[in-house]
Amino acid sequence: MRLFVSEGAPGSLPVLAAARRAQGRAELLISTVGPEECVVPFLTQPKVPVLQLDNGNYLFSTSAICRRQNL
């Protein structure tokens, strides 16, 4: 899984806290991107935080990302 966050973006702090708690239980690559960088190819406007799952799907909801990381 790959987590995209941006400094100062709303929702990044709880997502990073959940990633820290999940450390060792799941392989997770954390990428810090610029606020205007588009990381999801089919979106016209940037959206972070976003979690890219191993199957290529994306999660955009902060609470859904936190739940996924705590499995």
Protein backbone atom coordinates (compact mmCIF):
# COMPACT_ATOMS: atom_id res chain seq x y z
CA MET A 1 0.00 0.00 0.00
CA ARG A 2 1.10 3.55 -0.58
CA LEU A 3 -0.04 6.54 1.45
CA PHE A 4 0.13 10.03 -0.02
CA VAL A 5 0.07 12.96 2.42
CA SER A 6 0.83 16.65 2.22
CA GLU A 7 2.09 18.92 4.97
CA GLY A 8 -0.75 21.04 6.29
CA ALA A 9 -3.47 19.08 4.48
CA PRO A 10 -6.54 18.42 6.63
CA GLY A 11 -6.68 14.79 7.65
CA SER A 12 -2.97 14.08 7.28
CA LEU A 13 -2.24 13.99 11.01
CA PRO A 14 -4.74 11.23 11.98
CA VAL A 15 -3.74 9.20 8.93
CA LEU A 16 -0.05 9.44 9.86
CA ALA A 17 -0.87 8.47 13.46
CA ALA A 18 -2.75 5.39 12.20
CA ALA A 19 0.18 4.52 9.94
CA ARG A 20 2.52 4.69 12.93
CA ARG A 21 0.26 2.35 14.94
CA ALA A 22 0.10 -0.11 12.03
CA GLN A 23 3.88 -0.21 11.62
CA GLY A 24 5.06 -3.79 11.32
CA ARG A 25 1.59 -5.23 10.57
CA ALA A 26 1.34 -3.98 7.00
CA GLU A 27 3.83 -2.88 4.38
CA LEU A 28 3.19 0.80 3.82
CA LEU A 29 5.14 3.33 1.78
CA ILE A 30 4.49 6.93 2.85
CA SER A 31 5.02 9.65 0.23
CA THR A 32 4.89 13.35 1.03
CA VAL A 33 3.65 15.33 -1.95
CA GLY A 34 3.03 18.99 -2.68
CA PRO A 35 -0.47 20.37 -2.08
CA GLU A 36 -1.08 20.83 -5.81
CA GLU A 37 0.46 17.54 -6.97
CA CYS A 38 -2.09 15.20 -8.55
CA VAL A 39 -1.33 11.66 -7.35
CA VAL A 40 -4.50 9.98 -8.60
CA PRO A 41 -4.53 9.89 -12.42
CA PHE A 42 -8.31 10.09 -12.89
CA LEU A 43 -8.90 13.12 -10.63
CA THR A 44 -8.76 16.60 -12.12
CA GLN A 45 -7.94 18.23 -8.76
CA PRO A 46 -5.44 17.02 -6.16
CA LYS A 47 -6.81 15.14 -3.15
CA VAL A 48 -4.71 14.12 -0.13
CA PRO A 49 -4.50 12.17 2.02
CA VAL A 50 -5.12 9.17 -0.22
CA LEU A 51 -4.25 5.51 0.29
CA GLN A 52 -3.46 3.44 -2.80
CA LEU A 53 -4.24 -0.20 -2.10
CA ASP A 54 -2.19 -3.09 -3.48
CA ASN A 55 -4.95 -3.87 -6.00
CA GLY A 56 -4.77 -0.33 -7.46
CA ASN A 57 -7.90 1.06 -5.78
CA TYR A 58 -7.80 4.31 -3.81
CA LEU A 59 -9.29 5.34 -0.46
CA PHE A 60 -9.94 9.05 0.04
CA SER A 61 -11.83 9.16 3.34
CA THR A 62 -9.58 9.88 6.32
CA SER A 63 -11.61 7.57 8.56
CA ALA A 64 -11.58 4.76 5.96
CA ILE A 65 -7.79 5.09 5.59
CA CYS A 66 -7.34 4.93 9.36
CA ARG A 67 -9.56 1.83 9.62
CA ARG A 68 -7.75 0.11 6.75
CA GLN A 69 -4.36 0.69 8.34
CA ASN A 70 -5.50 -0.73 11.69
CA LEU A 71 -6.50 -4.14 10.29
